[in-house]
């Protein structure tokens, strides 16, 4: 099985993304000791901090082309979807 970074690098469509999200959730459940940010508050806060810090130096992503509305919708629906 691919490691998480290899899996990120191979995401090409929604099925790949869904597989990654499921794998990430499984990783959090099976290896909580490997997670620095173990609460949703810490996880979201550090995700925002990483984006703020790293986006200025990342030349592998066109940050102007990221669909932020869809990403925001995905994050929000995780809050309320049953």
N, C-alpha and C. Protein backbone atom coordinates (compact mmCIF):
# COMPACT_ATOMS: atom_id res chain seq x y z
N UNK A 1 0.84 -1.19 0.00
CA UNK A 1 0.00 0.00 0.00
C UNK A 1 0.89 1.25 0.00
N UNK A 2 0.45 2.27 -0.70
CA UNK A 2 1.19 3.53 -0.78
C UNK A 2 1.17 4.23 0.58
N UNK A 3 2.26 4.96 0.86
CA UNK A 3 2.21 5.78 2.06
C UNK A 3 1.35 7.01 1.76
N UNK A 4 1.05 7.80 2.77
CA UNK A 4 0.12 8.91 2.61
C UNK A 4 0.61 9.95 1.60
N UNK A 5 1.90 10.27 1.60
CA UNK A 5 2.43 11.26 0.66
C UNK A 5 2.33 10.74 -0.77
N UNK A 6 2.65 9.48 -0.98
CA UNK A 6 2.51 8.90 -2.31
C UNK A 6 1.05 8.91 -2.75
N UNK A 7 0.15 8.66 -1.82
CA UNK A 7 -1.27 8.67 -2.15
C UNK A 7 -1.71 10.08 -2.54
N UNK A 8 -1.23 11.10 -1.83
CA UNK A 8 -1.54 12.49 -2.19
C UNK A 8 -1.06 12.78 -3.61
N UNK A 9 0.16 12.39 -3.90
CA UNK A 9 0.73 12.67 -5.21
C UNK A 9 0.00 11.98 -6.35
N UNK A 10 -0.77 10.94 -6.05
CA UNK A 10 -1.47 10.21 -7.12
C UNK A 10 -2.96 10.55 -7.21
N UNK A 11 -3.44 11.52 -6.43
CA UNK A 11 -4.85 11.89 -6.50
C UNK A 11 -5.12 12.59 -7.83
N UNK A 12 -6.05 12.01 -8.59
CA UNK A 12 -6.36 12.56 -9.91
C UNK A 12 -7.86 12.80 -10.11
N UNK A 13 -8.68 12.31 -9.17
CA UNK A 13 -10.13 12.45 -9.34
C UNK A 13 -10.82 12.31 -7.99
N UNK A 14 -12.15 12.38 -8.01
CA UNK A 14 -12.89 12.33 -6.75
C UNK A 14 -12.72 10.99 -6.04
N UNK A 15 -12.71 9.89 -6.78
CA UNK A 15 -12.53 8.58 -6.14
C UNK A 15 -11.19 8.49 -5.41
N UNK A 16 -10.15 9.01 -6.04
CA UNK A 16 -8.83 9.03 -5.39
C UNK A 16 -8.87 9.88 -4.12
N UNK A 17 -9.54 11.03 -4.20
CA UNK A 17 -9.64 11.91 -3.04
C UNK A 17 -10.43 11.24 -1.92
N UNK A 18 -11.56 10.60 -2.26
CA UNK A 18 -12.35 9.90 -1.25
C UNK A 18 -11.55 8.78 -0.59
N UNK A 19 -10.80 8.05 -1.39
CA UNK A 19 -9.95 6.99 -0.86
C UNK A 19 -8.93 7.57 0.12
N UNK A 20 -8.36 8.70 -0.23
CA UNK A 20 -7.39 9.34 0.64
C UNK A 20 -8.03 9.78 1.97
N UNK A 21 -9.21 10.39 1.90
CA UNK A 21 -9.89 10.85 3.12
C UNK A 21 -10.21 9.66 4.02
N UNK A 22 -10.69 8.57 3.44
CA UNK A 22 -10.99 7.37 4.22
C UNK A 22 -9.71 6.83 4.86
N UNK A 23 -8.64 6.78 4.09
CA UNK A 23 -7.35 6.30 4.61
C UNK A 23 -6.85 7.22 5.74
N UNK A 24 -7.04 8.52 5.59
CA UNK A 24 -6.62 9.46 6.62
C UNK A 24 -7.40 9.23 7.91
N UNK A 25 -8.71 9.01 7.79
CA UNK A 25 -9.53 8.73 8.97
C UNK A 25 -9.11 7.43 9.63
N UNK A 26 -8.84 6.41 8.83
CA UNK A 26 -8.38 5.13 9.38
C UNK A 26 -7.04 5.29 10.08
N UNK A 27 -6.16 6.09 9.49
CA UNK A 27 -4.85 6.33 10.09
C UNK A 27 -5.00 7.00 11.45
N UNK A 28 -5.91 7.96 11.55
CA UNK A 28 -6.14 8.65 12.82
C UNK A 28 -6.66 7.68 13.88
N UNK A 29 -7.50 6.76 13.47
CA UNK A 29 -8.07 5.80 14.41
C UNK A 29 -7.04 4.74 14.82
N UNK A 30 -6.27 4.26 13.85
CA UNK A 30 -5.34 3.17 14.12
C UNK A 30 -4.00 3.62 14.68
N UNK A 31 -3.61 4.86 14.42
CA UNK A 31 -2.31 5.37 14.86
C UNK A 31 -2.42 6.75 15.50
N UNK A 32 -3.27 6.91 16.52
CA UNK A 32 -3.45 8.23 17.12
C UNK A 32 -2.18 8.81 17.70
N UNK A 33 -1.24 7.95 18.09
CA UNK A 33 0.02 8.41 18.66
C UNK A 33 0.90 9.12 17.63
N UNK A 34 0.61 8.93 16.34
CA UNK A 34 1.39 9.58 15.28
C UNK A 34 0.80 10.94 14.88
N UNK A 35 -0.33 11.30 15.45
CA UNK A 35 -1.00 12.55 15.10
C UNK A 35 -0.66 13.62 16.13
N UNK A 36 -0.15 14.74 15.66
CA UNK A 36 0.16 15.87 16.54
C UNK A 36 -1.13 16.61 16.91
N UNK A 37 -2.02 16.76 15.94
CA UNK A 37 -3.27 17.51 16.13
C UNK A 37 -4.42 16.53 16.25
N UNK A 38 -4.78 16.21 17.49
CA UNK A 38 -5.74 15.14 17.74
C UNK A 38 -7.17 15.61 17.99
N UNK A 39 -7.38 16.90 18.10
CA UNK A 39 -8.75 17.41 18.23
C UNK A 39 -9.11 18.12 16.93
N UNK A 40 -10.40 18.24 16.67
CA UNK A 40 -10.84 18.93 15.46
C UNK A 40 -10.40 20.39 15.50
N UNK A 41 -10.40 20.99 16.67
CA UNK A 41 -9.97 22.38 16.82
C UNK A 41 -8.50 22.53 16.44
N UNK A 42 -7.67 21.67 16.99
CA UNK A 42 -6.24 21.71 16.66
C UNK A 42 -6.00 21.40 15.18
N UNK A 43 -6.68 20.38 14.67
CA UNK A 43 -6.50 19.96 13.29
C UNK A 43 -6.84 21.09 12.31
N UNK A 44 -8.00 21.70 12.48
CA UNK A 44 -8.40 22.79 11.58
C UNK A 44 -7.50 24.01 11.76
N UNK A 45 -7.15 24.33 12.99
CA UNK A 45 -6.28 25.47 13.24
C UNK A 45 -4.91 25.30 12.60
N UNK A 46 -4.34 24.11 12.73
CA UNK A 46 -3.03 23.87 12.15
C UNK A 46 -3.10 23.74 10.63
N UNK A 47 -4.21 23.27 10.10
CA UNK A 47 -4.39 23.24 8.66
C UNK A 47 -4.37 24.67 8.11
N UNK A 48 -5.08 25.57 8.79
CA UNK A 48 -5.09 26.98 8.37
C UNK A 48 -3.70 27.60 8.51
N UNK A 49 -3.01 27.30 9.59
CA UNK A 49 -1.65 27.83 9.78
C UNK A 49 -0.70 27.34 8.70
N UNK A 50 -0.80 26.05 8.36
CA UNK A 50 0.06 25.50 7.30
C UNK A 50 -0.22 26.19 5.98
N UNK A 51 -1.49 26.36 5.65
CA UNK A 51 -1.84 27.01 4.39
C UNK A 51 -1.31 28.44 4.35
N UNK A 52 -1.45 29.15 5.43
CA UNK A 52 -0.97 30.53 5.50
C UNK A 52 0.55 30.60 5.37
N UNK A 53 1.25 29.71 6.04
CA UNK A 53 2.72 29.70 6.00
C UNK A 53 3.27 29.12 4.70
N UNK A 54 2.78 27.95 4.32
CA UNK A 54 3.40 27.19 3.25
C UNK A 54 3.02 27.68 1.85
N UNK A 55 1.81 28.22 1.69
CA UNK A 55 1.35 28.61 0.36
C UNK A 55 2.26 29.65 -0.28
N UNK A 56 2.94 30.44 0.52
CA UNK A 56 3.85 31.44 -0.03
C UNK A 56 5.12 30.81 -0.62
N UNK A 57 5.45 29.60 -0.21
CA UNK A 57 6.70 28.97 -0.63
C UNK A 57 6.51 27.75 -1.53
N UNK A 58 5.26 27.31 -1.70
CA UNK A 58 4.98 26.10 -2.47
C UNK A 58 4.86 26.43 -3.94
N UNK A 59 5.83 25.97 -4.73
CA UNK A 59 5.77 26.23 -6.16
C UNK A 59 5.17 25.06 -6.94
N UNK A 60 4.63 24.07 -6.21
CA UNK A 60 4.01 22.92 -6.88
C UNK A 60 2.50 23.08 -7.01
N UNK A 61 1.94 24.10 -6.39
CA UNK A 61 0.49 24.34 -6.43
C UNK A 61 0.22 25.74 -6.94
N UNK A 62 -0.72 25.85 -7.87
CA UNK A 62 -1.17 27.17 -8.32
C UNK A 62 -2.30 27.59 -7.39
N UNK A 63 -1.95 28.35 -6.37
CA UNK A 63 -2.90 28.72 -5.32
C UNK A 63 -4.03 29.59 -5.83
N UNK A 64 -3.88 30.21 -6.99
CA UNK A 64 -4.95 31.01 -7.58
C UNK A 64 -6.00 30.13 -8.25
N UNK A 65 -5.66 28.88 -8.52
CA UNK A 65 -6.60 27.98 -9.20
C UNK A 65 -7.28 26.98 -8.26
N UNK A 66 -6.94 27.01 -6.99
CA UNK A 66 -7.58 26.12 -6.03
C UNK A 66 -9.04 26.54 -5.89
N UNK A 67 -9.94 25.56 -5.90
CA UNK A 67 -11.37 25.84 -5.74
C UNK A 67 -11.69 25.91 -4.24
N UNK A 68 -11.50 27.08 -3.67
CA UNK A 68 -11.65 27.25 -2.23
C UNK A 68 -13.09 27.09 -1.77
N UNK A 69 -14.06 27.48 -2.59
CA UNK A 69 -15.47 27.31 -2.20
C UNK A 69 -15.82 25.84 -2.03
N UNK A 70 -15.39 25.02 -2.96
CA UNK A 70 -15.68 23.59 -2.86
C UNK A 70 -14.97 22.99 -1.66
N UNK A 71 -13.74 23.38 -1.44
CA UNK A 71 -13.01 22.89 -0.28
C UNK A 71 -13.72 23.30 1.01
N UNK A 72 -14.19 24.55 1.07
CA UNK A 72 -14.93 25.03 2.24
C UNK A 72 -16.22 24.24 2.43
N UNK A 73 -16.91 23.94 1.35
CA UNK A 73 -18.15 23.17 1.42
C UNK A 73 -17.87 21.76 1.96
N UNK A 74 -16.80 21.14 1.50
CA UNK A 74 -16.43 19.80 1.98
C UNK A 74 -16.18 19.84 3.48
N UNK A 75 -15.42 20.82 3.94
CA UNK A 75 -15.13 20.94 5.37
C UNK A 75 -16.41 21.19 6.18
N UNK A 76 -17.26 22.08 5.68
CA UNK A 76 -18.50 22.40 6.42
C UNK A 76 -19.43 21.19 6.49
N UNK A 77 -19.57 20.48 5.39
CA UNK A 77 -20.49 19.35 5.37
C UNK A 77 -20.03 18.25 6.32
N UNK A 78 -18.73 18.15 6.56
CA UNK A 78 -18.25 17.21 7.57
C UNK A 78 -18.78 17.54 8.96
N UNK A 79 -19.15 18.76 9.17
CA UNK A 79 -19.70 19.19 10.45
C UNK A 79 -21.15 18.73 10.61
N UNK A 80 -21.95 18.80 9.56
CA UNK A 80 -23.39 18.62 9.71
C UNK A 80 -23.97 17.37 9.04
N UNK A 81 -23.23 16.73 8.15
CA UNK A 81 -23.77 15.59 7.41
C UNK A 81 -23.91 14.37 8.32
N UNK A 82 -25.05 13.71 8.24
CA UNK A 82 -25.29 12.51 9.08
C UNK A 82 -25.19 11.26 8.27
